[in-house]
């Protein structure tokens, strides 16, 4: 047994949606460090180009709004014009909406459900051929959906569509895994807890306070997320199919009735 290259991504091609900042950028940087060629996509072209330049010559910008099926198909076509195969697809683009039950609007439902749940399905569908081509190169292709602990437990906020979308994406992961494993495409998900981001302003702005309520005593850092993302994308994770890896310092599975804005 040779484990020296167990976590290597040399020669692999990855696409990370929402890859210009926050958790998506962390994942893109981690894959590049392991030898992958990475395409990042985001709605804001300037941010996408800037992050690609920052991450170096193995990172390429494919700006696109994937909130609609038309946008998803445009991203798939743009990728197809540059690459013949896709080894790793990370569905990370997402949105949240919080508003009291009495006033929660339809737009707050549709925006979040479309981007967080509908778009990942249709992007996998649109890139099915490229993923099969990646799988034909001697190792499984990987689809990694970024879900959330909010798909596994409640937070204190009235984020109705966010909870629904993330729990739905966890089960969509299982359903896609059952279908695509016969194509040698492995589908899994990562459910992050409290990581500093524009979406999780509590962890970003008050990390010590938030971290004190987590069993491990701190919020997540870049290496915590990178480790899980590399594991699932690499040979090391080839036998993990349909599962969700919870990366949250124990919040979901080791907390004793604690409440946390994660």
C-alpha atoms as a PDB file:
ATOM      1  CA  UNK A   1       0.000   0.000   0.000  1.00  0.00           C
ATOM      2  CA  UNK A   2       1.333   3.413  -1.056  1.00  0.00           C
ATOM      3  CA  UNK A   3      -0.389   6.367   0.628  1.00  0.00           C
ATOM      4  CA  UNK A   4       2.064   9.005  -0.550  1.00  0.00           C
ATOM      5  CA  UNK A   5      -0.329  10.280  -3.211  1.00  0.00           C
ATOM      6  CA  UNK A   6      -3.601   9.414  -1.520  1.00  0.00           C
ATOM      7  CA  UNK A   7      -4.703  13.057  -1.328  1.00  0.00           C
ATOM      8  CA  UNK A   8      -3.131  14.248  -4.574  1.00  0.00           C
ATOM      9  CA  UNK A   9      -5.248  15.937  -7.242  1.00  0.00           C
ATOM     10  CA  UNK A  10      -2.522  16.080  -9.859  1.00  0.00           C
ATOM     11  CA  UNK A  11      -3.903  16.188 -13.377  1.00  0.00           C
ATOM     12  CA  UNK A  12      -7.513  16.679 -12.297  1.00  0.00           C
ATOM     13  CA  UNK A  13      -9.867  19.420 -13.414  1.00  0.00           C
ATOM     14  CA  UNK A  14     -12.295  21.024 -10.965  1.00  0.00           C
ATOM     15  CA  UNK A  15     -15.144  23.521 -11.202  1.00  0.00           C
ATOM     16  CA  UNK A  16     -16.214  25.378  -8.055  1.00  0.00           C
ATOM     17  CA  UNK A  17     -19.345  27.511  -8.137  1.00  0.00           C
ATOM     18  CA  UNK A  18     -19.354  30.462  -5.780  1.00  0.00           C
ATOM     19  CA  UNK A  19     -15.592  30.091  -5.931  1.00  0.00           C
ATOM     20  CA  UNK A  20     -14.522  33.721  -5.835  1.00  0.00           C
ATOM     21  CA  UNK A  21     -14.806  34.200  -2.065  1.00  0.00           C
ATOM     22  CA  UNK A  22     -15.457  32.651   1.324  1.00  0.00           C
ATOM     23  CA  UNK A  23     -15.788  28.850   1.477  1.00  0.00           C
ATOM     24  CA  UNK A  24     -15.686  28.369  -2.283  1.00  0.00           C
ATOM     25  CA  UNK A  25     -12.406  30.211  -2.546  1.00  0.00           C
ATOM     26  CA  UNK A  26     -10.953  28.127   0.278  1.00  0.00           C
ATOM     27  CA  UNK A  27     -11.865  24.951  -1.601  1.00  0.00           C
ATOM     28  CA  UNK A  28     -10.458  26.251  -4.880  1.00  0.00           C
ATOM     29  CA  UNK A  29      -7.178  27.204  -3.230  1.00  0.00           C
ATOM     30  CA  UNK A  30      -6.943  23.801  -1.542  1.00  0.00           C
ATOM     31  CA  UNK A  31      -7.442  21.947  -4.824  1.00  0.00           C
ATOM     32  CA  UNK A  32      -4.849  24.060  -6.583  1.00  0.00           C
ATOM     33  CA  UNK A  33      -2.359  23.304  -3.808  1.00  0.00           C
ATOM     34  CA  UNK A  34      -2.963  19.583  -4.412  1.00  0.00           C
ATOM     35  CA  UNK A  35      -2.206  19.930  -8.123  1.00  0.00           C
ATOM     36  CA  UNK A  36      -5.616  20.452  -9.739  1.00  0.00           C
ATOM     37  CA  UNK A  37      -6.540  22.904 -12.469  1.00  0.00           C
ATOM     38  CA  UNK A  38      -9.502  24.811 -11.073  1.00  0.00           C
ATOM     39  CA  UNK A  39     -12.238  26.871 -12.685  1.00  0.00           C
ATOM     40  CA  UNK A  40     -14.124  29.203 -10.382  1.00  0.00           C
ATOM     41  CA  UNK A  41     -17.503  30.712 -11.128  1.00  0.00           C
ATOM     42  CA  UNK A  42     -19.424  33.504  -9.441  1.00  0.00           C
ATOM     43  CA  UNK A  43     -22.107  36.013 -10.286  1.00  0.00           C
ATOM     44  CA  UNK A  44     -19.793  39.036 -10.113  1.00  0.00           C
ATOM     45  CA  UNK A  45     -17.306  38.911 -12.973  1.00  0.00           C
ATOM     46  CA  UNK A  46     -14.843  41.361 -11.416  1.00  0.00           C
ATOM     47  CA  UNK A  47     -14.616  39.324  -8.215  1.00  0.00           C
ATOM     48  CA  UNK A  48     -14.219  36.121 -10.178  1.00  0.00           C
ATOM     49  CA  UNK A  49     -11.385  37.524 -12.296  1.00  0.00           C
ATOM     50  CA  UNK A  50      -9.647  39.047  -9.276  1.00  0.00           C
ATOM     51  CA  UNK A  51      -9.745  35.814  -7.272  1.00  0.00           C
ATOM     52  CA  UNK A  52      -8.511  33.760 -10.232  1.00  0.00           C
ATOM     53  CA  UNK A  53      -5.535  36.075 -10.624  1.00  0.00           C
ATOM     54  CA  UNK A  54      -4.845  35.886  -6.891  1.00  0.00           C
ATOM     55  CA  UNK A  55      -4.942  32.079  -6.861  1.00  0.00           C
ATOM     56  CA  UNK A  56      -2.454  31.791  -9.692  1.00  0.00           C
ATOM     57  CA  UNK A  57      -2.028  30.273 -13.154  1.00  0.00           C
ATOM     58  CA  UNK A  58      -3.897  27.060 -12.341  1.00  0.00           C
ATOM     59  CA  UNK A  59      -7.062  28.986 -11.532  1.00  0.00           C
ATOM     60  CA  UNK A  60      -9.386  30.205 -14.282  1.00  0.00           C
ATOM     61  CA  UNK A  61     -12.397  32.483 -14.136  1.00  0.00           C
ATOM     62  CA  UNK A  62     -15.800  31.520 -15.551  1.00  0.00           C
ATOM     63  CA  UNK A  63     -18.169  34.214 -14.266  1.00  0.00           C
ATOM     64  CA  UNK A  64     -21.820  33.252 -14.454  1.00  0.00           C
ATOM     65  CA  UNK A  65     -25.010  33.650 -12.441  1.00  0.00           C
ATOM     66  CA  UNK A  66     -26.248  30.101 -11.828  1.00  0.00           C
ATOM     67  CA  UNK A  67     -29.496  31.160 -10.150  1.00  0.00           C
ATOM     68  CA  UNK A  68     -31.418  30.095 -13.269  1.00  0.00           C
ATOM     69  CA  UNK A  69     -31.337  27.018 -15.446  1.00  0.00           C
ATOM     70  CA  UNK A  70     -30.318  29.232 -18.376  1.00  0.00           C
ATOM     71  CA  UNK A  71     -27.356  30.452 -16.328  1.00  0.00           C
ATOM     72  CA  UNK A  72     -26.455  26.891 -15.377  1.00  0.00           C
ATOM     73  CA  UNK A  73     -26.470  25.841 -19.018  1.00  0.00           C
ATOM     74  CA  UNK A  74     -24.375  28.863 -19.997  1.00  0.00           C
ATOM     75  CA  UNK A  75     -21.770  27.924 -17.388  1.00  0.00           C
ATOM     76  CA  UNK A  76     -21.706  24.339 -18.595  1.00  0.00           C
ATOM     77  CA  UNK A  77     -21.202  25.507 -22.167  1.00  0.00           C
ATOM     78  CA  UNK A  78     -18.424  27.913 -21.180  1.00  0.00           C
ATOM     79  CA  UNK A  79     -16.657  25.092 -19.355  1.00  0.00           C
ATOM     80  CA  UNK A  80     -17.188  22.727 -22.283  1.00  0.00           C
ATOM     81  CA  UNK A  81     -15.479  25.167 -24.621  1.00  0.00           C
ATOM     82  CA  UNK A  82     -12.335  24.941 -22.476  1.00  0.00           C
ATOM     83  CA  UNK A  83     -12.198  21.356 -21.229  1.00  0.00           C
ATOM     84  CA  UNK A  84     -13.219  17.915 -22.447  1.00  0.00           C
ATOM     85  CA  UNK A  85     -13.555  16.362 -19.006  1.00  0.00           C
ATOM     86  CA  UNK A  86     -14.487  17.321 -15.467  1.00  0.00           C
ATOM     87  CA  UNK A  87     -13.098  15.392 -12.510  1.00  0.00           C
ATOM     88  CA  UNK A  88     -14.529  17.419  -9.629  1.00  0.00           C
ATOM     89  CA  UNK A  89     -17.652  19.577  -9.459  1.00  0.00           C
ATOM     90  CA  UNK A  90     -18.279  21.532  -6.269  1.00  0.00           C
ATOM     91  CA  UNK A  91     -21.766  23.010  -5.951  1.00  0.00           C
ATOM     92  CA  UNK A  92     -21.038  25.793  -3.495  1.00  0.00           C
ATOM     93  CA  UNK A  93     -22.984  28.821  -4.768  1.00  0.00           C
ATOM     94  CA  UNK A  94     -25.738  29.639  -2.309  1.00  0.00           C
ATOM     95  CA  UNK A  95     -27.959  32.243  -0.728  1.00  0.00           C
ATOM     96  CA  UNK A  96     -29.869  32.734   2.511  1.00  0.00           C
ATOM     97  CA  UNK A  97     -32.932  34.722   3.502  1.00  0.00           C
ATOM     98  CA  UNK A  98     -34.172  35.505   6.994  1.00  0.00           C
ATOM     99  CA  UNK A  99     -37.492  37.178   7.721  1.00  0.00           C
ATOM    100  CA  UNK A 100     -40.294  36.669  10.265  1.00  0.00           C
ATOM    101  CA  UNK A 101     -42.850  34.007   9.408  1.00  0.00           C
ATOM    102  CA  UNK A 102     -45.685  36.508   9.095  1.00  0.00           C
ATOM    103  CA  UNK A 103     -43.863  38.477   6.391  1.00  0.00           C
ATOM    104  CA  UNK A 104     -41.653  35.879   4.728  1.00  0.00           C
ATOM    105  CA  UNK A 105     -41.948  36.670   0.988  1.00  0.00           C
ATOM    106  CA  UNK A 106     -42.228  34.444  -2.039  1.00  0.00           C
ATOM    107  CA  UNK A 107     -39.071  35.984  -3.473  1.00  0.00           C
ATOM    108  CA  UNK A 108     -37.184  34.925  -0.344  1.00  0.00           C
ATOM    109  CA  UNK A 109     -38.390  31.393  -0.915  1.00  0.00           C
ATOM    110  CA  UNK A 110     -37.773  31.184  -4.655  1.00  0.00           C
ATOM    111  CA  UNK A 111     -34.353  32.853  -4.668  1.00  0.00           C
ATOM    112  CA  UNK A 112     -32.925  30.513  -2.045  1.00  0.00           C
ATOM    113  CA  UNK A 113     -34.541  27.304  -3.265  1.00  0.00           C
ATOM    114  CA  UNK A 114     -33.567  27.982  -6.876  1.00  0.00           C
ATOM    115  CA  UNK A 115     -29.913  28.670  -6.156  1.00  0.00           C
ATOM    116  CA  UNK A 116     -29.329  26.234  -3.297  1.00  0.00           C
ATOM    117  CA  UNK A 117     -31.325  23.235  -4.500  1.00  0.00           C
ATOM    118  CA  UNK A 118     -32.507  23.540  -8.088  1.00  0.00           C
ATOM    119  CA  UNK A 119     -29.278  24.793  -9.655  1.00  0.00           C
ATOM    120  CA  UNK A 120     -27.012  22.015  -8.296  1.00  0.00           C
ATOM    121  CA  UNK A 121     -29.256  19.383  -9.855  1.00  0.00           C
ATOM    122  CA  UNK A 122     -29.339  21.034 -13.251  1.00  0.00           C
ATOM    123  CA  UNK A 123     -25.595  21.748 -13.245  1.00  0.00           C
ATOM    124  CA  UNK A 124     -24.835  18.093 -12.582  1.00  0.00           C
ATOM    125  CA  UNK A 125     -27.260  17.198 -15.376  1.00  0.00           C
ATOM    126  CA  UNK A 126     -25.685  19.706 -17.772  1.00  0.00           C
ATOM    127  CA  UNK A 127     -22.147  18.458 -17.058  1.00  0.00           C
ATOM    128  CA  UNK A 128     -23.008  14.765 -16.915  1.00  0.00           C
ATOM    129  CA  UNK A 129     -21.080  14.046 -20.099  1.00  0.00           C
ATOM    130  CA  UNK A 130     -17.956  15.841 -18.903  1.00  0.00           C
ATOM    131  CA  UNK A 131     -18.131  14.070 -15.531  1.00  0.00           C
ATOM    132  CA  UNK A 132     -18.391  10.697 -17.276  1.00  0.00           C
ATOM    133  CA  UNK A 133     -15.375  11.660 -19.362  1.00  0.00           C
ATOM    134  CA  UNK A 134     -13.486  12.465 -16.164  1.00  0.00           C
ATOM    135  CA  UNK A 135     -14.471   9.136 -14.655  1.00  0.00           C
ATOM    136  CA  UNK A 136     -13.148   7.343 -17.736  1.00  0.00           C
ATOM    137  CA  UNK A 137      -9.608   8.475 -16.932  1.00  0.00           C
ATOM    138  CA  UNK A 138      -9.068   5.777 -14.303  1.00  0.00           C
ATOM    139  CA  UNK A 139     -10.636   7.237 -11.179  1.00  0.00           C
ATOM    140  CA  UNK A 140     -14.169   8.220 -10.209  1.00  0.00           C
ATOM    141  CA  UNK A 141     -15.398  11.708 -10.961  1.00  0.00           C
ATOM    142  CA  UNK A 142     -16.676  13.580  -7.917  1.00  0.00           C
ATOM    143  CA  UNK A 143     -19.631  15.849  -7.243  1.00  0.00           C
ATOM    144  CA  UNK A 144     -19.431  17.579  -3.869  1.00  0.00           C
ATOM    145  CA  UNK A 145     -22.444  19.575  -2.723  1.00  0.00           C
ATOM    146  CA  UNK A 146     -21.896  22.179  -0.023  1.00  0.00           C
ATOM    147  CA  UNK A 147     -24.858  21.757   2.285  1.00  0.00           C
ATOM    148  CA  UNK A 148     -24.995  23.043   5.867  1.00  0.00           C
ATOM    149  CA  UNK A 149     -25.566  22.023   9.464  1.00  0.00           C
ATOM    150  CA  UNK A 150     -28.789  23.997   9.001  1.00  0.00           C
ATOM    151  CA  UNK A 151     -29.961  21.062   6.910  1.00  0.00           C
ATOM    152  CA  UNK A 152     -29.412  18.825   9.953  1.00  0.00           C
ATOM    153  CA  UNK A 153     -30.534  21.025  12.868  1.00  0.00           C
ATOM    154  CA  UNK A 154     -32.351  24.288  13.518  1.00  0.00           C
ATOM    155  CA  UNK A 155     -30.641  27.621  14.000  1.00  0.00           C
ATOM    156  CA  UNK A 156     -32.309  30.433  15.998  1.00  0.00           C
ATOM    157  CA  UNK A 157     -33.157  32.464  12.891  1.00  0.00           C
ATOM    158  CA  UNK A 158     -36.287  32.366  10.763  1.00  0.00           C
ATOM    159  CA  UNK A 159     -34.514  31.130   7.656  1.00  0.00           C
ATOM    160  CA  UNK A 160     -37.316  28.952   6.324  1.00  0.00           C
ATOM    161  CA  UNK A 161     -36.198  28.513   2.737  1.00  0.00           C
ATOM    162  CA  UNK A 162     -32.544  28.102   3.721  1.00  0.00           C
ATOM    163  CA  UNK A 163     -33.318  25.234   6.105  1.00  0.00           C
ATOM    164  CA  UNK A 164     -35.547  23.603   3.505  1.00  0.00           C
ATOM    165  CA  UNK A 165     -33.010  23.995   0.710  1.00  0.00           C
ATOM    166  CA  UNK A 166     -30.062  22.588   2.650  1.00  0.00           C
ATOM    167  CA  UNK A 167     -31.933  19.609   4.066  1.00  0.00           C
ATOM    168  CA  UNK A 168     -33.256  19.002   0.554  1.00  0.00           C
ATOM    169  CA  UNK A 169     -29.745  19.155  -0.893  1.00  0.00           C
ATOM    170  CA  UNK A 170     -28.560  16.528   1.579  1.00  0.00           C
ATOM    171  CA  UNK A 171     -31.211  14.142   0.289  1.00  0.00           C
ATOM    172  CA  UNK A 172     -30.669  15.169  -3.310  1.00  0.00           C
ATOM    173  CA  UNK A 173     -27.036  14.169  -2.731  1.00  0.00           C
ATOM    174  CA  UNK A 174     -28.195  10.663  -1.802  1.00  0.00           C
ATOM    175  CA  UNK A 175     -30.555  10.422  -4.770  1.00  0.00           C
ATOM    176  CA  UNK A 176     -27.930  11.610  -7.249  1.00  0.00           C
ATOM    177  CA  UNK A 177     -25.366   9.277  -5.712  1.00  0.00           C
ATOM    178  CA  UNK A 178     -27.656   6.291  -6.232  1.00  0.00           C
ATOM    179  CA  UNK A 179     -28.090   7.152  -9.912  1.00  0.00           C
ATOM    180  CA  UNK A 180     -24.607   8.335 -10.829  1.00  0.00           C
ATOM    181  CA  UNK A 181     -22.497   5.728  -9.065  1.00  0.00           C
ATOM    182  CA  UNK A 182     -23.118   3.393 -12.016  1.00  0.00           C
ATOM    183  CA  UNK A 183     -21.391   6.008 -14.190  1.00  0.00           C
ATOM    184  CA  UNK A 184     -18.423   5.966 -11.779  1.00  0.00           C
ATOM    185  CA  UNK A 185     -19.428   9.423 -10.519  1.00  0.00           C
ATOM    186  CA  UNK A 186     -19.419   9.731  -6.735  1.00  0.00           C
ATOM    187  CA  UNK A 187     -21.731  12.293  -5.134  1.00  0.00           C
ATOM    188  CA  UNK A 188     -21.229  13.458  -1.547  1.00  0.00           C
ATOM    189  CA  UNK A 189     -21.745  16.603   0.496  1.00  0.00           C
ATOM    190  CA  UNK A 190     -20.024  18.689   3.140  1.00  0.00           C
ATOM    191  CA  UNK A 191     -22.150  20.322   5.834  1.00  0.00           C
ATOM    192  CA  UNK A 192     -20.125  23.201   7.297  1.00  0.00           C
ATOM    193  CA  UNK A 193     -20.946  24.689  10.665  1.00  0.00           C
ATOM    194  CA  UNK A 194     -19.744  28.055  11.895  1.00  0.00           C
ATOM    195  CA  UNK A 195     -17.195  29.435   9.436  1.00  0.00           C
ATOM    196  CA  UNK A 196     -16.511  33.126   8.987  1.00  0.00           C
ATOM    197  CA  UNK A 197     -18.167  34.302   5.773  1.00  0.00           C
ATOM    198  CA  UNK A 198     -20.364  36.997   4.342  1.00  0.00           C
ATOM    199  CA  UNK A 199     -23.325  34.675   4.840  1.00  0.00           C
ATOM    200  CA  UNK A 200     -22.402  33.791   8.427  1.00  0.00           C
ATOM    201  CA  UNK A 201     -21.746  37.237   9.786  1.00  0.00           C
ATOM    202  CA  UNK A 202     -22.049  36.046  13.389  1.00  0.00           C
ATOM    203  CA  UNK A 203     -19.016  33.776  13.010  1.00  0.00           C
ATOM    204  CA  UNK A 204     -17.194  36.439  11.006  1.00  0.00           C
ATOM    205  CA  UNK A 205     -17.837  39.356  13.359  1.00  0.00           C
ATOM    206  CA  UNK A 206     -17.875  37.612  16.751  1.00  0.00           C
ATOM    207  CA  UNK A 207     -15.761  34.460  16.360  1.00  0.00           C
ATOM    208  CA  UNK A 208     -14.900  34.104  20.055  1.00  0.00           C
ATOM    209  CA  UNK A 209     -18.501  34.429  21.182  1.00  0.00           C
ATOM    210  CA  UNK A 210     -19.759  31.982  18.575  1.00  0.00           C
ATOM    211  CA  UNK A 211     -16.843  29.622  19.158  1.00  0.00           C
ATOM    212  CA  UNK A 212     -17.492  29.477  22.887  1.00  0.00           C
ATOM    213  CA  UNK A 213     -20.826  27.740  22.188  1.00  0.00           C
ATOM    214  CA  UNK A 214     -19.297  25.048  19.979  1.00  0.00           C
ATOM    215  CA  UNK A 215     -18.152  21.813  21.663  1.00  0.00           C
ATOM    216  CA  UNK A 216     -14.635  22.136  20.212  1.00  0.00           C
ATOM    217  CA  UNK A 217     -14.466  25.728  21.495  1.00  0.00           C
ATOM    218  CA  UNK A 218     -13.837  27.593  18.246  1.00  0.00           C
ATOM    219  CA  UNK A 219     -15.277  28.363  14.839  1.00  0.00           C
ATOM    220  CA  UNK A 220     -14.005  26.544  11.780  1.00  0.00           C
ATOM    221  CA  UNK A 221     -10.937  27.678   9.868  1.00  0.00           C
ATOM    222  CA  UNK A 222      -9.787  27.282   6.300  1.00  0.00           C
ATOM    223  CA  UNK A 223      -7.806  24.115   6.974  1.00  0.00           C
ATOM    224  CA  UNK A 224     -10.836  22.411   8.529  1.00  0.00           C
ATOM    225  CA  UNK A 225     -12.868  22.881   5.362  1.00  0.00           C
ATOM    226  CA  UNK A 226      -9.946  22.255   3.014  1.00  0.00           C
ATOM    227  CA  UNK A 227      -9.189  18.910   4.639  1.00  0.00           C
ATOM    228  CA  UNK A 228     -12.713  17.597   4.120  1.00  0.00           C
ATOM    229  CA  UNK A 229     -12.893  18.927   0.564  1.00  0.00           C
ATOM    230  CA  UNK A 230      -9.566  17.372  -0.419  1.00  0.00           C
ATOM    231  CA  UNK A 231     -10.491  14.055   1.196  1.00  0.00           C
ATOM    232  CA  UNK A 232     -13.728  13.726  -0.754  1.00  0.00           C
ATOM    233  CA  UNK A 233     -12.197  14.881  -4.052  1.00  0.00           C
ATOM    234  CA  UNK A 234      -9.130  12.640  -3.869  1.00  0.00           C
ATOM    235  CA  UNK A 235      -8.469   8.905  -3.966  1.00  0.00           C
ATOM    236  CA  UNK A 236      -8.791   8.935  -0.190  1.00  0.00           C
ATOM    237  CA  UNK A 237     -12.541   9.495  -0.480  1.00  0.00           C
ATOM    238  CA  UNK A 238     -13.322   7.105  -3.332  1.00  0.00           C
ATOM    239  CA  UNK A 239     -15.329   4.725  -1.133  1.00  0.00           C
ATOM    240  CA  UNK A 240     -17.561   7.403   0.421  1.00  0.00           C
ATOM    241  CA  UNK A 241     -20.785   7.510  -1.607  1.00  0.00           C
ATOM    242  CA  UNK A 242     -23.903   9.579  -0.935  1.00  0.00           C
ATOM    243  CA  UNK A 243     -22.835  10.617   2.546  1.00  0.00           C
ATOM    244  CA  UNK A 244     -22.626  14.051   4.159  1.00  0.00           C
ATOM    245  CA  UNK A 245     -19.519  14.912   6.143  1.00  0.00           C
ATOM    246  CA  UNK A 246     -20.386  17.335   8.942  1.00  0.00           C
ATOM    247  CA  UNK A 247     -17.568  19.801   9.607  1.00  0.00           C
ATOM    248  CA  UNK A 248     -18.752  21.797  12.608  1.00  0.00           C
ATOM    249  CA  UNK A 249     -16.638  21.196  15.705  1.00  0.00           C
ATOM    250  CA  UNK A 250     -19.252  18.888  17.203  1.00  0.00           C
ATOM    251  CA  UNK A 251     -22.262  21.168  16.979  1.00  0.00           C
ATOM    252  CA  UNK A 252     -24.655  18.654  15.439  1.00  0.00           C
ATOM    253  CA  UNK A 253     -23.392  15.378  16.882  1.00  0.00           C
ATOM    254  CA  UNK A 254     -21.652  16.316  20.138  1.00  0.00           C
ATOM    255  CA  UNK A 255     -23.535  19.314  21.555  1.00  0.00           C
ATOM    256  CA  UNK A 256     -25.427  19.020  24.839  1.00  0.00           C
ATOM    257  CA  UNK A 257     -28.506  21.088  24.116  1.00  0.00           C
ATOM    258  CA  UNK A 258     -26.505  24.172  23.251  1.00  0.00           C
ATOM    259  CA  UNK A 259     -27.856  26.844  20.938  1.00  0.00           C
ATOM    260  CA  UNK A 260     -25.580  28.534  18.438  1.00  0.00           C
ATOM    261  CA  UNK A 261     -25.962  30.961  15.555  1.00  0.00           C
ATOM    262  CA  UNK A 262     -24.153  28.733  13.075  1.00  0.00           C
END
